Amino acid sequence: MSQPDIVIIGGGLAGLFTALKLSPLPCLVLSPRPLGEGAASAWAQGGIAAAMAEGDSPESHAADTMVAGAGLVDEAAALSLAQEAPERIFELLDYGVPFDRDLEGRLLQSREAAHSFRRIVRVGGDTAGHAVMQALIAAVRNTSSIKVLEGFIAEDLVVVDGRVGGVFARGEGGAVDKATFFPARAAVLATGGAGHLYRVTTNPPESNGIGLAIAARAGAVIADTEFVQFHPTGIDIGRDPAPLASEAIRGDGAVLINSAGERFMLHVHADAELAPRDVVARGVFAEIAAGRGAFIDAREALGRHFAEHFPTAYAACASVGIDPAVQPIPIAPAAHYHMGGVVTDAHGRTSLPGLWAAGEVASTGVHGANRLASNSLLEAVVFGARVAADLKGLDARPATTVVPLRQPRAGLPTARDREAISRLRAVMQADVGVVRDDAGLKRAIATIMDIDAGAESIMLAHMATAAFLVAAPALLRQESRGGHFRADFPRIDDAWGRRTMTTLTALETVTATELGLTRKRAAGE
């Protein structure tokens, strides 16, 4: 097969589903690691939300999505997402995903926080992401129109005459000296999120914001990047990334307690443990900050059935000698999902001609300020299918073969850069985390710019750019909404009831004007 000129950057759920739906149109998938490794999709435990139960409806699903999104959800986008959900579930079944069923063969559905119905389709309790990815990987391997190059990390988008015309990516996991140029008449960004910008996260190291950074550096409009969802029940056992106690555990009746055995969420929200994630994350954060600790207690709700229902979480606990059947599980909020990203329309088109985006790196308008549980895998397949449909109508213009001049730079972090990454993740955790304020955000931005100016590798430079794209809008948004909480502006302000739409250049200008801080551009950038 000749080199395809549709390049999909990322080997997670959004990228693979796009590639499959493109068939028989040829495409190239660039994956930073072997398929199935390093993709946050494979780590997703809860499942996929779809209104398929008796009495449920797409309208109810969309309404729940909008409530969770705290006033910033695009209503039409949310409704269309919910309406397409059942069709995508059946497509995944056709690809071989073994969703849980009852004895009569009907799909089993569970309830998660802020959902009005039991509408979460799962696999093996808490292994949905892994099962979905394994099924799609097998399908991709058997589809001749899809070419996969594993171990390629994207570094730059090349814009020719105002249109994305190719991608630079470095092989061997970024270890080779020179990046390879892949000409493209269409590029699809499916690089995942940015959780690994934080010291405590449930995301794999590859979820470090690179896709967001390369799109922003190329001039793409971004949106809502200040909104980061912290999963309230990261299992706090000192591992990086932190294992996850699925929200479905609380959906099945587990409660949150402190070291005194008190159910602290009863005093925080009417829905207690099933309140929106941002509310629960702040509740957990407050207990830990007060020295009382936080735990998820499934002893009464699940007991000896815990291992059967939630094998992934059980294995993580067992690895450090905790038995959830008889012991509470220590927890802490962990960076889990990035609501913001590269702005797309309903077809997945970005503001840059020739560039589409799908999955967590995209900002489609369906999440608003706070993602509803189990809408992430759904969004990946819905918009992956839409991107593929849009690309099938693309004209047959050839991809550019012009290889632009480029300043050589190390791909992987140097020893000095690795120290800087630890510093970057620490300041993001401390000052751009669950609770933020003016002083902390200004301190974070100054630190990020200092790290960026000294970056020796393209990876650290991209991580610093992505961190800046989170911190700067967080400083500008002087209110608290969804995943963005300002201790100095603790209430929702109607004046801020709009999505953040901006560019990297615009944010740099505002930061330079208001803080007197100017980002040092690397040579060749």
Protein backbone atom coordinates (compact mmCIF):
# COMPACT_ATOMS: atom_id res chain seq x y z
CA MET A 1 0.00 0.00 0.00
CA SER A 2 1.37 3.44 -0.88
CA GLN A 3 1.79 6.03 1.84
CA PRO A 4 -1.72 7.26 2.81
CA ASP A 5 -2.23 11.00 2.89
CA ILE A 6 -4.76 11.02 5.71
CA VAL A 7 -2.69 10.96 8.89
CA ILE A 8 -4.28 10.17 12.25
CA ILE A 9 -2.15 11.28 15.18
CA GLY A 10 -2.87 9.00 18.12
CA GLY A 11 -3.64 5.32 18.67
CA GLY A 12 -6.35 5.58 21.33
CA LEU A 13 -10.07 5.02 20.95
CA ALA A 14 -10.79 8.17 18.92
CA GLY A 15 -7.93 7.54 16.51
CA LEU A 16 -8.64 3.86 15.95
CA PHE A 17 -12.40 4.34 15.58
CA THR A 18 -11.81 7.10 13.03
CA ALA A 19 -9.48 4.83 11.08
CA LEU A 20 -11.99 1.96 11.08
CA LYS A 21 -14.84 4.18 9.98
CA LEU A 22 -12.67 5.59 7.17
CA SER A 23 -12.28 2.15 5.61
CA PRO A 24 -11.84 1.46 2.71
CA LEU A 25 -10.24 4.91 2.42
CA PRO A 26 -6.55 4.44 3.28
CA CYS A 27 -5.07 6.20 6.30
CA LEU A 28 -1.95 6.20 8.44
CA VAL A 29 -2.13 5.98 12.24
CA LEU A 30 0.86 7.34 14.20
CA SER A 31 0.90 5.87 17.70
CA PRO A 32 3.47 6.86 20.34
CA ARG A 33 3.53 3.32 21.74
CA PRO A 34 2.34 -0.12 20.59
CA LEU A 35 -1.43 -0.06 20.16
CA GLY A 36 -3.17 -0.55 23.47
CA GLU A 37 -0.29 0.90 25.49
CA GLY A 38 -0.15 4.49 26.66
CA ALA A 39 -3.73 5.30 25.66
CA ALA A 40 -5.97 6.65 28.41
CA SER A 41 -8.92 5.00 26.63
CA ALA A 42 -7.62 1.60 27.69
CA TRP A 43 -7.60 2.71 31.32
CA ALA A 44 -11.23 3.87 31.41
CA GLN A 45 -13.12 1.84 33.98
CA GLY A 46 -16.67 3.14 34.18
CA GLY A 47 -17.97 2.44 30.70
CA ILE A 48 -19.94 4.25 28.00
CA ALA A 49 -23.08 6.28 28.61
CA ALA A 50 -26.06 5.54 26.34
CA ALA A 51 -29.78 6.08 26.94
CA MET A 52 -31.03 2.56 26.19
CA ALA A 53 -32.96 1.58 29.34
CA GLU A 54 -36.73 1.64 29.65
CA GLY A 55 -37.91 5.14 30.53
CA ASP A 56 -34.61 6.77 29.60
CA SER A 57 -34.15 9.00 26.56
CA PRO A 58 -31.48 10.96 24.68
CA GLU A 59 -33.17 14.13 25.90
CA SER A 60 -32.68 13.04 29.53
CA HIS A 61 -29.05 12.09 28.81
CA ALA A 62 -28.46 15.50 27.20
CA ALA A 63 -30.14 17.28 30.11
CA ASP A 64 -27.86 15.52 32.61
CA THR A 65 -24.86 16.42 30.44
CA MET A 66 -25.86 20.08 30.47
CA VAL A 67 -26.41 20.19 34.24
CA ALA A 68 -22.96 18.68 34.86
CA GLY A 69 -21.41 21.13 32.38
CA ALA A 70 -22.49 24.09 34.54
CA GLY A 71 -23.94 26.30 31.85
CA LEU A 72 -21.23 25.99 29.20
CA VAL A 73 -22.46 22.92 27.27
CA ASP A 74 -23.56 23.38 23.67
CA GLU A 75 -27.14 22.08 23.82
CA ALA A 76 -27.28 20.89 20.20
CA ALA A 77 -23.94 19.10 20.57
CA ALA A 78 -25.06 17.35 23.75
CA LEU A 79 -28.35 16.20 22.26
CA SER A 80 -26.78 14.89 19.07
CA LEU A 81 -24.14 13.05 21.13
CA ALA A 82 -26.85 11.36 23.20
CA GLN A 83 -28.94 10.53 20.13
CA GLU A 84 -26.03 8.76 18.42
CA ALA A 85 -25.00 6.80 21.51
CA PRO A 86 -27.09 3.62 20.98
CA GLU A 87 -25.93 3.29 17.37
CA ARG A 88 -22.30 3.50 18.41
CA ILE A 89 -22.83 0.90 21.15
CA PHE A 90 -24.20 -1.53 18.57
CA GLU A 91 -21.25 -0.79 16.27
CA LEU A 92 -18.85 -1.60 19.09
CA LEU A 93 -20.73 -4.84 19.66
CA ASP A 94 -20.22 -5.62 15.97
CA TYR A 95 -16.48 -5.03 16.44
CA GLY A 96 -16.53 -7.64 19.20
CA VAL A 97 -16.72 -5.60 22.40
CA PRO A 98 -18.13 -7.98 25.06
CA PHE A 99 -20.41 -5.63 26.95
CA ASP A 100 -21.93 -7.09 30.12
CA ARG A 101 -25.35 -8.75 29.67
CA ASP A 102 -27.95 -10.27 31.95
CA LEU A 103 -29.14 -13.87 31.79
CA GLU A 104 -31.62 -12.95 29.06
CA GLY A 105 -28.95 -11.37 26.89
CA ARG A 106 -29.88 -7.76 27.50
CA LEU A 107 -27.15 -5.18 28.05
CA LEU A 108 -26.52 -4.50 31.73
CA GLN A 109 -26.42 -0.82 32.61
CA SER A 110 -25.25 0.83 35.81
CA ARG A 111 -25.74 4.30 37.23
CA GLU A 112 -23.01 6.83 37.85
CA ALA A 113 -22.89 10.25 39.46
CA ALA A 114 -25.20 12.95 38.06
CA HIS A 115 -27.02 10.50 35.73
CA SER A 116 -30.81 10.28 36.12
CA PHE A 117 -30.93 6.66 34.94
CA ARG A 118 -28.85 3.50 34.85
CA ARG A 119 -27.30 4.11 31.43
CA ILE A 120 -23.63 3.07 31.73
CA VAL A 121 -22.73 0.09 29.53
CA ARG A 122 -19.78 -1.76 31.08
CA VAL A 123 -17.46 -4.70 30.52
CA GLY A 124 -16.41 -6.95 33.40
CA GLY A 125 -17.44 -4.33 35.92
CA ASP A 126 -14.51 -1.91 35.52
CA THR A 127 -12.60 -3.05 32.42
CA ALA A 128 -14.61 -1.31 29.68
CA GLY A 129 -11.78 0.78 28.26
CA HIS A 130 -9.39 -2.16 28.00
CA ALA A 131 -12.02 -4.40 26.40
CA VAL A 132 -13.09 -1.77 23.87
CA MET A 133 -9.49 -1.08 22.90
CA GLN A 134 -8.60 -4.75 22.51
CA ALA A 135 -11.58 -5.31 20.21
CA LEU A 136 -10.74 -2.27 18.06
CA ILE A 137 -7.03 -3.11 17.90
CA ALA A 138 -7.94 -6.55 16.54
CA ALA A 139 -10.23 -4.93 13.97
CA VAL A 140 -7.54 -2.43 12.94
CA ARG A 141 -4.96 -5.19 12.52
CA ASN A 142 -7.38 -6.94 10.16
CA THR A 143 -8.21 -3.86 8.08
CA SER A 144 -5.93 -3.53 5.07
CA SER A 145 -6.71 0.15 4.49
CA ILE A 146 -5.14 1.12 7.84
CA LYS A 147 -1.38 1.46 8.13
CA VAL A 148 -0.06 1.77 11.68
CA LEU A 149 3.34 3.12 12.66
CA GLU A 150 4.00 2.47 16.34
CA GLY A 151 6.53 4.40 18.40
CA PHE A 152 6.01 7.71 16.55
CA ILE A 153 5.48 10.85 18.64
CA ALA A 154 4.07 13.84 16.77
CA GLU A 155 6.04 17.06 17.24
CA ASP A 156 4.71 19.68 14.85
CA LEU A 157 1.96 20.42 12.38
CA VAL A 158 3.16 22.03 9.16
CA VAL A 159 0.93 24.77 7.76
CA VAL A 160 1.37 25.51 4.05
CA ASP A 161 -0.61 28.39 2.49
CA GLY A 162 -2.93 28.50 5.47
CA ARG A 163 -3.66 24.76 5.46
CA VAL A 164 -2.21 21.88 7.45
CA GLY A 165 -0.06 20.02 4.96
CA GLY A 166 1.84 17.54 7.05
CA VAL A 167 3.10 16.29 10.38
CA PHE A 168 6.57 15.94 11.86
CA ALA A 169 6.86 12.88 14.11
CA ARG A 170 9.85 11.21 15.72
CA GLY A 171 10.22 7.43 15.72
CA GLU A 172 11.45 4.94 18.33
CA GLY A 173 9.32 6.62 20.96
CA GLY A 174 10.97 9.97 20.25
CA ALA A 175 14.50 8.64 20.68
CA VAL A 176 15.78 9.09 17.09
CA ASP A 177 17.84 12.16 16.22
CA LYS A 178 15.62 13.51 13.45
CA ALA A 179 11.87 13.70 13.01
CA THR A 180 10.17 12.27 9.92
CA PHE A 181 7.92 14.46 7.80
CA PHE A 182 4.59 12.89 6.81
CA PRO A 183 2.79 14.89 4.12
CA ALA A 184 -0.97 14.99 4.62
CA ARG A 185 -3.95 16.47 2.84
CA ALA A 186 -5.82 15.84 6.11
CA ALA A 187 -4.54 15.36 9.64
CA VAL A 188 -6.66 14.08 12.51
CA LEU A 189 -5.55 15.01 16.01
CA ALA A 190 -6.47 12.21 18.45
CA THR A 191 -3.67 12.53 20.99
CA GLY A 192 -5.73 12.39 24.19
CA GLY A 193 -5.61 14.65 27.21
CA ALA A 194 -3.21 16.43 29.53
CA GLY A 195 -3.53 14.76 32.94
CA HIS A 196 0.17 14.00 33.18
CA LEU A 197 0.88 17.71 33.50
CA TYR A 198 -0.12 17.08 37.13
CA ARG A 199 1.84 15.25 39.81
CA VAL A 200 -1.19 13.16 40.82
CA THR A 201 -3.10 11.79 37.85
CA THR A 202 -4.90 8.70 36.63
CA ASN A 203 -3.56 9.26 33.10
CA PRO A 204 -0.63 7.52 31.40
CA PRO A 205 2.57 9.53 30.71
CA GLU A 206 1.54 9.98 27.06
CA SER A 207 -1.41 12.14 28.19
CA ASN A 208 0.85 15.16 28.53
CA GLY A 209 -0.87 17.79 26.38
CA ILE A 210 1.36 17.45 23.31
CA GLY A 211 -1.56 17.40 20.87
CA LEU A 212 -3.05 20.53 22.39
CA ALA A 213 0.34 22.25 22.23
CA ILE A 214 1.16 21.46 18.62
CA ALA A 215 -2.28 22.58 17.45
CA ALA A 216 -2.06 25.81 19.45
CA ARG A 217 1.45 26.51 18.18
CA ALA A 218 0.14 26.08 14.63
CA GLY A 219 -2.51 28.74 15.33
CA ALA A 220 -5.61 26.67 16.14
CA VAL A 221 -8.35 28.16 18.29
CA ILE A 222 -8.65 26.46 21.66
CA ALA A 223 -11.49 26.51 24.19
CA ASP A 224 -12.22 25.87 27.87
CA THR A 225 -8.67 24.76 28.70
CA GLU A 226 -8.97 26.02 32.29
CA PHE A 227 -11.46 23.24 33.04
CA VAL A 228 -9.70 20.15 34.36
CA GLN A 229 -11.69 17.34 35.94
CA PHE A 230 -10.13 15.79 39.01
CA HIS A 231 -11.41 12.32 39.71
CA PRO A 232 -12.30 12.37 43.40
CA THR A 233 -11.30 8.75 44.03
CA GLY A 234 -7.78 8.21 42.80
CA ILE A 235 -6.42 5.34 44.92
CA ASP A 236 -3.79 7.00 47.10
CA ILE A 237 -1.06 4.36 47.35
CA GLY A 238 1.89 6.35 45.99
CA ARG A 239 1.82 5.07 42.42
CA ASP A 240 2.29 7.26 39.31
CA PRO A 241 -0.11 7.20 37.59
CA ALA A 242 -2.55 6.70 40.45
CA PRO A 243 -4.91 3.70 40.12
CA LEU A 244 -8.58 4.59 39.94
CA ALA A 245 -11.49 3.58 42.13
CA SER A 246 -14.23 3.72 39.49
CA GLU A 247 -17.20 5.99 40.06
CA ALA A 248 -19.33 2.90 39.51
CA ILE A 249 -18.18 1.68 42.93
CA ARG A 250 -20.06 4.59 44.47
CA GLY A 251 -22.89 3.96 42.04
CA ASP A 252 -23.17 0.49 43.57
CA GLY A 253 -23.51 1.93 47.06
CA ALA A 254 -20.01 2.57 48.43
CA VAL A 255 -19.66 5.67 50.62
CA LEU A 256 -16.90 8.18 51.33
CA ILE A 257 -15.62 8.49 54.89
CA ASN A 258 -12.80 10.22 56.74
CA SER A 259 -10.45 8.66 59.28
CA ALA A 260 -13.13 9.05 61.97
CA GLY A 261 -15.59 7.04 59.88
CA GLU A 262 -17.81 10.06 59.12
CA ARG A 263 -19.60 10.34 55.76
CA PHE A 264 -18.42 13.87 55.03
CA MET A 265 -20.23 14.26 51.66
CA LEU A 266 -23.59 14.24 53.46
CA HIS A 267 -22.74 17.76 54.66
CA VAL A 268 -21.50 18.95 51.26
CA HIS A 269 -24.22 18.11 48.71
CA ALA A 270 -27.72 16.67 48.63
CA ASP A 271 -26.55 13.84 46.38
CA ALA A 272 -23.66 13.06 48.75
CA GLU A 273 -21.28 10.55 47.09
CA LEU A 274 -23.13 10.83 43.76
CA ALA A 275 -22.77 14.61 43.50
CA PRO A 276 -20.97 16.00 40.40
CA ARG A 277 -17.30 15.10 40.30
CA ASP A 278 -16.00 18.59 40.95
CA VAL A 279 -18.07 18.83 44.12
CA VAL A 280 -16.91 15.43 45.36
CA ALA A 281 -13.28 16.21 44.47
CA ARG A 282 -13.38 19.40 46.55
CA GLY A 283 -15.01 17.51 49.41
CA VAL A 284 -12.23 14.91 49.37
CA PHE A 285 -9.60 17.65 48.99
CA ALA A 286 -10.96 19.48 52.04
CA GLU A 287 -10.86 16.38 54.25
CA ILE A 288 -7.27 15.66 53.26
CA ALA A 289 -6.24 19.30 53.73
CA ALA A 290 -7.80 19.25 57.21
CA GLY A 291 -5.73 16.19 58.13
CA ARG A 292 -8.70 13.84 58.39
CA GLY A 293 -7.91 11.80 55.27
CA ALA A 294 -10.46 10.40 52.83
CA PHE A 295 -11.47 6.82 52.04
CA ILE A 296 -13.98 4.94 49.93
CA ASP A 297 -15.81 2.37 52.02
CA ALA A 298 -17.35 -0.53 50.08
CA ARG A 299 -17.44 -3.00 52.97
CA GLU A 300 -21.20 -2.95 53.38
CA ALA A 301 -22.21 -2.25 49.77
CA LEU A 302 -19.97 -4.85 48.08
CA GLY A 303 -17.97 -6.74 50.72
CA ARG A 304 -16.64 -10.02 49.40
CA HIS A 305 -18.14 -9.30 45.94
CA PHE A 306 -15.75 -6.36 45.39
CA ALA A 307 -13.11 -8.41 43.58
CA GLU A 308 -15.69 -9.90 41.24
CA HIS A 309 -17.38 -6.59 40.38
CA PHE A 310 -14.29 -4.35 40.23
CA PRO A 311 -11.24 -6.49 39.51
CA THR A 312 -9.00 -3.60 38.36
CA ALA A 313 -9.46 -1.56 41.52
CA TYR A 314 -9.20 -4.70 43.65
CA ALA A 315 -5.87 -5.65 42.08
CA ALA A 316 -4.46 -2.18 42.72
CA CYS A 317 -5.48 -2.37 46.38
CA ALA A 318 -4.23 -5.92 46.79
CA SER A 319 -0.82 -4.91 45.41
CA VAL A 320 -0.22 -2.91 48.61
CA GLY A 321 -2.00 -5.24 51.00
CA ILE A 322 -5.41 -3.54 51.15
CA ASP A 323 -8.51 -5.79 51.00
CA PRO A 324 -11.51 -3.60 50.01
CA ALA A 325 -13.88 -6.29 51.28
CA VAL A 326 -12.86 -5.51 54.86
CA GLN A 327 -10.88 -2.23 54.67
CA PRO A 328 -11.61 1.31 53.45
CA ILE A 329 -9.53 2.42 50.45
CA PRO A 330 -7.42 5.61 50.82
CA ILE A 331 -8.23 8.14 48.09
CA ALA A 332 -7.13 11.54 46.78
CA PRO A 333 -8.31 13.75 43.87
CA ALA A 334 -6.32 13.02 40.70
CA ALA A 335 -6.19 14.88 37.38
CA HIS A 336 -8.39 12.72 35.22
CA TYR A 337 -9.92 14.47 32.22
CA HIS A 338 -9.40 17.73 30.33
CA MET A 339 -12.70 19.29 29.27
CA GLY A 340 -10.96 21.87 27.11
CA GLY A 341 -9.00 21.40 23.93
CA VAL A 342 -8.85 22.28 20.25
CA VAL A 343 -12.15 23.75 19.11
CA THR A 344 -14.08 21.70 16.57
CA ASP A 345 -17.43 21.97 14.86
CA ALA A 346 -20.02 19.19 14.75
CA HIS A 347 -17.95 17.35 12.11
CA GLY A 348 -14.70 17.50 14.04
CA ARG A 349 -13.19 20.28 11.91
CA THR A 350 -10.84 22.66 13.71
CA SER A 351 -10.20 26.32 12.86
CA LEU A 352 -7.18 25.23 10.82
CA PRO A 353 -8.10 23.97 7.32
CA GLY A 354 -6.84 20.43 6.90
CA LEU A 355 -6.96 19.61 10.63
CA TRP A 356 -9.66 17.61 12.37
CA ALA A 357 -9.73 16.56 16.05
CA ALA A 358 -11.54 13.89 18.06
CA GLY A 359 -11.45 12.57 21.60
CA GLU A 360 -10.09 14.29 24.67
CA VAL A 361 -7.79 16.66 22.76
CA ALA A 362 -10.85 18.23 21.12
CA SER A 363 -13.29 20.76 22.53
CA THR A 364 -16.61 19.86 20.91
CA GLY A 365 -18.91 21.71 23.30
CA VAL A 366 -20.39 18.59 24.88
CA HIS A 367 -18.55 18.73 28.21
CA GLY A 368 -18.74 22.38 29.19
CA ALA A 369 -17.12 23.11 32.53
CA ASN A 370 -17.42 19.55 33.87
CA ARG A 371 -17.71 16.26 31.98
CA LEU A 372 -20.59 13.97 32.86
CA ALA A 373 -19.33 10.52 33.89
CA SER A 374 -18.80 8.02 31.04
CA ASN A 375 -19.39 10.57 28.28
CA SER A 376 -15.70 10.52 27.30
CA LEU A 377 -15.54 7.16 25.49
CA LEU A 378 -18.88 8.02 23.93
CA GLU A 379 -17.59 11.33 22.60
CA ALA A 380 -14.52 9.59 21.15
CA VAL A 381 -16.55 7.14 19.05
CA VAL A 382 -19.30 9.61 18.07
CA PHE A 383 -16.87 12.26 16.84
CA GLY A 384 -14.47 9.68 15.43
CA ALA A 385 -17.31 8.48 13.20
CA ARG A 386 -18.20 12.06 12.25
CA VAL A 387 -14.62 12.92 11.35
CA ALA A 388 -14.40 9.83 9.15
CA ALA A 389 -17.66 10.69 7.39
CA ASP A 390 -16.42 14.23 6.77
CA LEU A 391 -13.08 13.03 5.42
CA LYS A 392 -14.79 10.69 2.98
CA GLY A 393 -16.18 13.80 1.29
CA LEU A 394 -12.76 15.46 1.09
CA ASP A 395 -11.53 16.50 -2.33
CA ALA A 396 -8.70 14.53 -3.88
CA ARG A 397 -6.05 17.26 -3.75
CA PRO A 398 -2.61 15.73 -3.26
CA ALA A 399 -0.77 16.09 -0.02
CA THR A 400 2.09 18.55 0.00
CA THR A 401 5.55 17.10 -0.43
CA VAL A 402 7.34 20.27 0.66
CA VAL A 403 9.50 19.58 3.69
CA PRO A 404 9.97 22.90 5.49
CA LEU A 405 13.20 23.92 7.16
CA ARG A 406 13.24 23.03 10.82
CA GLN A 407 15.48 23.82 13.75
CA PRO A 408 16.88 20.55 15.15
CA ARG A 409 15.99 19.90 18.79
CA ALA A 410 16.12 16.88 21.09
CA GLY A 411 12.97 14.79 21.10
CA LEU A 412 13.00 13.17 24.51
CA PRO A 413 13.70 15.07 27.72
CA THR A 414 17.32 15.41 28.80
CA ALA A 415 18.33 14.79 32.42
CA ARG A 416 17.87 18.50 33.09
CA ASP A 417 14.48 18.43 31.39
CA ARG A 418 13.32 15.49 33.50
CA GLU A 419 13.98 17.55 36.61
CA ALA A 420 12.06 20.42 35.02
CA ILE A 421 9.11 18.12 34.26
CA SER A 422 8.93 17.16 37.94
CA ARG A 423 8.94 20.85 38.80
CA LEU A 424 6.25 21.57 36.21
CA ARG A 425 3.97 18.79 37.47
CA ALA A 426 4.45 19.92 41.07
CA VAL A 427 3.50 23.54 40.39
CA MET A 428 0.48 22.47 38.34
CA GLN A 429 -0.67 20.25 41.20
CA ALA A 430 -0.14 22.93 43.83
CA ASP A 431 -1.35 26.05 42.02
CA VAL A 432 -3.53 24.96 39.07
CA GLY A 433 -5.25 22.06 40.80
CA VAL A 434 -8.51 21.40 42.61
CA VAL A 435 -8.49 24.82 44.34
CA ARG A 436 -6.91 27.87 42.68
CA ASP A 437 -6.34 31.54 43.45
CA ASP A 438 -4.78 34.65 41.91
CA ALA A 439 -1.42 34.41 43.66
CA GLY A 440 -0.98 30.71 42.94
CA LEU A 441 -1.92 31.03 39.27
CA LYS A 442 0.47 33.93 38.73
CA ARG A 443 3.20 31.94 40.48
CA ALA A 444 2.44 28.94 38.26
CA ILE A 445 2.55 30.96 35.03
CA ALA A 446 5.91 32.50 35.95
CA THR A 447 7.30 29.04 36.73
CA ILE A 448 5.92 27.56 33.51
CA MET A 449 7.49 30.33 31.43
CA ASP A 450 10.82 29.85 33.17
CA ILE A 451 10.70 26.12 32.47
CA ASP A 452 9.71 26.74 28.85
CA ALA A 453 12.60 29.15 28.31
CA GLY A 454 15.09 26.52 29.49
CA ALA A 455 13.60 23.52 27.68
CA GLU A 456 16.18 21.45 25.84
CA SER A 457 13.69 19.01 24.29
CA ILE A 458 10.62 19.49 22.16
CA MET A 459 8.62 17.32 24.59
CA LEU A 460 9.25 19.61 27.55
CA ALA A 461 8.54 22.67 25.41
CA HIS A 462 5.18 21.20 24.41
CA MET A 463 4.34 20.25 28.00
CA ALA A 464 5.14 23.79 29.13
CA THR A 465 2.96 25.21 26.35
CA ALA A 466 0.07 22.94 27.34
CA ALA A 467 0.48 23.89 31.00
CA PHE A 468 0.40 27.58 30.04
CA LEU A 469 -2.79 26.98 28.05
CA VAL A 470 -4.43 25.66 31.24
CA ALA A 471 -3.05 28.19 33.72
CA ALA A 472 -3.51 31.43 31.78
CA PRO A 473 -7.27 31.04 31.11
CA ALA A 474 -7.67 29.89 34.74
CA LEU A 475 -6.16 33.19 35.85
CA LEU A 476 -8.43 35.17 33.56
CA ARG A 477 -11.68 33.40 34.58
CA GLN A 478 -12.56 35.16 37.82
CA GLU A 479 -15.33 32.85 39.00
CA SER A 480 -15.82 29.23 40.05
CA ARG A 481 -17.59 26.91 37.65
CA GLY A 482 -17.40 23.15 37.11
CA GLY A 483 -13.83 21.88 37.17
CA HIS A 484 -12.45 25.40 37.74
CA PHE A 485 -12.63 26.55 41.37
CA ARG A 486 -11.20 29.86 42.52
CA ALA A 487 -10.95 30.28 46.29
CA ASP A 488 -10.87 34.07 45.74
CA PHE A 489 -13.93 33.97 43.44
CA PRO A 490 -15.91 31.05 44.90
CA ARG A 491 -19.23 31.63 43.13
CA ILE A 492 -20.54 31.31 39.60
CA ASP A 493 -20.66 34.70 37.87
CA ASP A 494 -23.20 35.03 35.06
CA ALA A 495 -20.86 37.44 33.32
CA TRP A 496 -18.57 34.45 32.76
CA GLY A 497 -21.34 32.21 31.43
CA ARG A 498 -19.60 31.64 28.13
CA ARG A 499 -16.98 29.31 26.74
CA THR A 500 -13.38 30.49 26.60
CA MET A 501 -12.33 30.85 22.96
CA THR A 502 -8.75 31.97 22.41
CA THR A 503 -5.39 31.28 20.79
CA LEU A 504 -1.89 30.83 22.12
CA THR A 505 -0.86 34.19 20.70
CA ALA A 506 -3.79 35.97 22.35
CA LEU A 507 -3.01 34.41 25.73
CA GLU A 508 0.65 35.37 25.43
CA THR A 509 -0.35 38.96 24.68
CA VAL A 510 -2.67 39.18 27.69
CA THR A 511 -0.08 37.59 29.98
CA ALA A 512 2.63 39.97 28.80
CA THR A 513 0.34 42.97 29.27
CA GLU A 514 -1.10 42.06 32.67
CA LEU A 515 1.81 40.22 34.30
CA GLY A 516 4.79 41.59 32.42
CA LEU A 517 5.78 38.02 31.54
CA THR A 518 6.83 37.20 27.99
CA ARG A 519 7.21 33.65 26.76
CA LYS A 520 10.58 33.07 25.12
CA ARG A 521 10.10 31.52 21.72
CA ALA A 522 12.43 28.65 20.86
CA ALA A 523 14.47 28.95 17.68
CA GLY A 524 12.54 27.68 14.68
CA GLU A 525 9.22 27.80 16.49
